[in-house]
Amino acid sequence: MPQVALPHDAKAGPTKPEIRAMSIEKLALGPSDHVVDVGSCTGAVTIEAARRAGRVTAIERKPDRLDVTRKNLAANDYDAAVSLREAEAPAGLPDDADAMFLGGSRNFTEVLDHAVETGVDRLVMNVSRVEVAGEAIEAFRERDLLSEVLQVQVNHGYELAGATSFKADNPVYVLVGARGGDE
């Protein structure tokens, strides 16, 4: 599978490739799945999901970021039917999703409520702030969704004085959920 091309900037960092790979793997997407990307921003997760799922709905509240998602989708190959919706979640969320990725922390409790009400099977939420991670873990637990919590730290090697050193990316909390949880 070719790398995701993101030639258009959303003035916000995309979900890093290593974190995307883990998040998409945890969603266990198949060709008959309908997945929702809440807070699509650059479209990086939307593109990865569209390479695995049958349908993708990308929700983004900022029109300029939704336009970036659209442009970055056009720069990549994928097979899924993709629908883009300008809305602040939970508005605009479909009622027939199998899986959901939450890339932002805005209104996440309402988004989780929608996921429970509509029977979403699998959820992944990426969080970079410790306080929000704690709130999100509790919200997943309260809704009997929490399957696992991962803290992921990625380090990239670079040349330093003829040897290899490492530069760390910020850690990310990856919350994985499923109906009925299983923590």
Protein backbone atom coordinates (compact mmCIF):
# COMPACT_ATOMS: atom_id res chain seq x y z
CA MET A 1 0.00 0.00 0.00
CA PRO A 2 1.53 3.35 -0.98
CA GLN A 3 2.19 6.03 1.63
CA VAL A 4 -0.56 8.57 2.18
CA ALA A 5 0.21 11.74 0.22
CA LEU A 6 -0.72 14.95 2.06
CA PRO A 7 0.30 17.74 -0.32
CA HIS A 8 -2.21 20.16 1.19
CA ASP A 9 -1.72 21.67 4.65
CA ALA A 10 -4.55 22.05 7.17
CA LYS A 11 -2.52 24.23 9.54
CA ALA A 12 -2.76 21.37 12.01
CA GLY A 13 -0.65 18.27 12.31
CA PRO A 14 -2.05 15.12 10.75
CA THR A 15 -2.21 11.95 12.80
CA LYS A 16 1.34 10.65 12.44
CA PRO A 17 1.80 7.62 10.14
CA GLU A 18 2.80 5.25 12.95
CA ILE A 19 -0.21 6.26 15.07
CA ARG A 20 -2.51 6.02 12.02
CA ALA A 21 -1.28 2.50 11.32
CA MET A 22 -2.00 1.41 14.88
CA SER A 23 -5.38 3.16 14.99
CA ILE A 24 -6.54 1.69 11.69
CA GLU A 25 -5.36 -1.77 12.77
CA LYS A 26 -7.33 -1.48 16.02
CA LEU A 27 -10.46 -0.57 14.05
CA ALA A 28 -10.11 -3.89 12.17
CA LEU A 29 -11.71 -2.46 9.02
CA GLY A 30 -13.03 -4.72 6.29
CA PRO A 31 -14.40 -4.10 2.80
CA SER A 32 -18.04 -4.12 3.96
CA ASP A 33 -17.49 -1.65 6.82
CA HIS A 34 -18.76 1.92 7.05
CA VAL A 35 -16.28 3.96 9.09
CA VAL A 36 -16.61 7.53 10.33
CA ASP A 37 -13.62 9.86 10.74
CA VAL A 38 -14.65 12.51 13.27
CA GLY A 39 -12.48 15.60 12.80
CA SER A 40 -10.92 14.72 9.44
CA CYS A 41 -8.53 17.73 9.30
CA THR A 42 -5.91 16.72 6.67
CA GLY A 43 -7.82 13.60 5.65
CA ALA A 44 -4.94 11.28 6.57
CA VAL A 45 -7.15 8.86 8.54
CA THR A 46 -9.96 9.22 6.00
CA ILE A 47 -7.56 8.12 3.23
CA GLU A 48 -6.20 5.15 5.22
CA ALA A 49 -9.74 4.07 6.09
CA ALA A 50 -10.88 4.46 2.46
CA ARG A 51 -8.18 1.97 1.43
CA ARG A 52 -9.68 -0.71 3.70
CA ALA A 53 -13.38 -0.02 4.28
CA GLY A 54 -16.26 0.00 1.82
CA ARG A 55 -17.61 3.40 2.90
CA VAL A 56 -16.14 6.34 4.79
CA THR A 57 -17.86 9.40 6.18
CA ALA A 58 -15.52 12.24 7.13
CA ILE A 59 -16.89 14.91 9.49
CA GLU A 60 -15.06 18.22 9.88
CA ARG A 61 -16.40 21.39 11.51
CA LYS A 62 -13.98 23.79 9.81
CA PRO A 63 -14.74 24.41 6.10
CA ASP A 64 -11.10 25.12 5.25
CA ARG A 65 -9.99 21.82 6.80
CA LEU A 66 -12.75 19.93 5.02
CA ASP A 67 -11.45 21.44 1.78
CA VAL A 68 -7.95 20.16 2.68
CA THR A 69 -9.44 16.69 3.30
CA ARG A 70 -11.08 16.86 -0.17
CA LYS A 71 -7.83 17.94 -1.88
CA ASN A 72 -5.71 15.33 -0.11
CA LEU A 73 -8.24 12.61 -0.99
CA ALA A 74 -7.86 13.61 -4.65
CA ALA A 75 -4.08 13.10 -4.37
CA ASN A 76 -4.44 9.46 -3.25
CA ASP A 77 -5.74 6.12 -4.48
CA TYR A 78 -8.58 4.42 -2.62
CA ASP A 79 -11.60 2.29 -3.47
CA ALA A 80 -14.24 3.25 -0.88
CA ALA A 81 -17.21 5.53 -1.34
CA VAL A 82 -16.31 8.65 0.66
CA SER A 83 -18.77 11.22 1.94
CA LEU A 84 -17.55 14.56 3.34
CA ARG A 85 -19.73 16.47 5.79
CA GLU A 86 -19.17 19.92 7.22
CA ALA A 87 -20.57 19.67 10.73
CA GLU A 88 -19.60 19.80 14.36
CA ALA A 89 -20.09 16.30 15.70
CA PRO A 90 -22.33 14.79 16.80
CA ALA A 91 -24.29 16.66 14.11
CA GLY A 92 -23.76 15.01 10.74
CA LEU A 93 -22.85 11.60 12.14
CA PRO A 94 -24.46 8.74 10.24
CA ASP A 95 -26.66 6.22 12.02
CA ASP A 96 -25.25 3.16 10.24
CA ALA A 97 -21.51 3.22 11.02
CA ASP A 98 -19.65 0.04 11.95
CA ALA A 99 -16.51 1.79 13.18
CA MET A 100 -15.55 5.28 14.29
CA PHE A 101 -12.26 7.17 14.64
CA LEU A 102 -12.22 10.24 16.89
CA GLY A 103 -9.21 12.40 16.10
CA GLY A 104 -10.32 15.36 18.17
CA SER A 105 -11.52 15.83 21.70
CA ARG A 106 -14.30 18.33 21.05
CA ASN A 107 -17.73 17.02 22.08
CA PHE A 108 -16.37 13.50 22.43
CA THR A 109 -18.91 12.53 25.11
CA GLU A 110 -21.79 13.38 22.78
CA VAL A 111 -20.05 11.50 19.95
CA LEU A 112 -19.66 8.45 22.20
CA ASP A 113 -23.34 8.69 23.15
CA HIS A 114 -24.25 8.69 19.45
CA ALA A 115 -21.98 5.68 18.88
CA VAL A 116 -23.72 3.76 21.67
CA GLU A 117 -27.22 4.77 20.52
CA THR A 118 -26.55 3.74 16.91
CA GLY A 119 -24.65 0.52 17.65
CA VAL A 120 -21.14 1.39 16.43
CA ASP A 121 -19.08 -1.80 16.95
CA ARG A 122 -15.54 -0.42 17.12
CA LEU A 123 -14.07 2.92 18.20
CA VAL A 124 -10.62 4.43 18.41
CA MET A 125 -9.88 7.82 19.91
CA ASN A 126 -6.45 9.44 19.81
CA VAL A 127 -5.65 11.96 22.54
CA SER A 128 -2.47 13.95 23.13
CA ARG A 129 -3.38 15.80 26.34
CA VAL A 130 -3.20 13.90 29.65
CA GLU A 131 -6.24 15.57 31.21
CA VAL A 132 -8.41 14.85 28.18
CA ALA A 133 -7.13 11.27 28.10
CA GLY A 134 -8.33 10.78 31.70
CA GLU A 135 -11.74 12.24 30.90
CA ALA A 136 -12.02 10.12 27.75
CA ILE A 137 -11.06 6.91 29.57
CA GLU A 138 -13.81 7.56 32.11
CA ALA A 139 -16.31 8.38 29.33
CA PHE A 140 -15.48 5.11 27.54
CA ARG A 141 -15.84 3.18 30.84
CA GLU A 142 -19.16 4.85 31.73
CA ARG A 143 -20.55 3.70 28.37
CA ASP A 144 -19.11 0.17 28.71
CA LEU A 145 -16.92 0.73 25.65
CA LEU A 146 -13.33 0.56 26.91
CA SER A 147 -11.29 -2.36 25.54
CA GLU A 148 -7.77 -1.02 25.99
CA VAL A 149 -5.69 2.11 26.44
CA LEU A 150 -2.28 2.48 24.86
CA GLN A 151 0.27 5.21 25.32
CA VAL A 152 2.41 5.34 22.21
CA GLN A 153 5.74 7.14 21.98
CA VAL A 154 7.43 7.20 18.58
CA ASN A 155 11.06 8.22 18.16
CA HIS A 156 12.67 8.96 14.81
CA GLY A 157 16.37 8.45 14.22
CA TYR A 158 18.58 11.17 12.79
CA GLU A 159 22.28 11.59 12.14
CA LEU A 160 24.19 13.34 14.92
CA ALA A 161 27.97 13.66 14.78
CA GLY A 162 28.37 10.58 12.61
CA ALA A 163 26.07 8.40 14.69
CA THR A 164 22.37 7.91 15.16
CA SER A 165 20.37 9.73 17.78
CA PHE A 166 16.62 9.93 18.27
CA LYS A 167 14.08 12.71 18.38
CA ALA A 168 10.81 11.93 20.16
CA ASP A 169 7.32 12.80 18.92
CA ASN A 170 4.79 13.71 21.59
CA PRO A 171 3.19 10.65 23.17
CA VAL A 172 -0.35 9.80 22.11
CA TYR A 173 -2.99 7.93 24.08
CA VAL A 174 -4.92 5.52 21.90
CA LEU A 175 -8.26 4.50 23.41
CA VAL A 176 -9.78 1.42 21.85
CA GLY A 177 -13.42 0.65 22.36
CA ALA A 178 -16.03 -1.90 21.42
CA ARG A 179 -19.65 -2.47 22.30
CA GLY A 180 -19.61 -4.22 25.64
CA GLY A 181 -15.94 -3.24 26.17
CA ASP A 182 -13.75 -5.99 27.59
CA GLU A 183 -11.22 -4.23 29.75
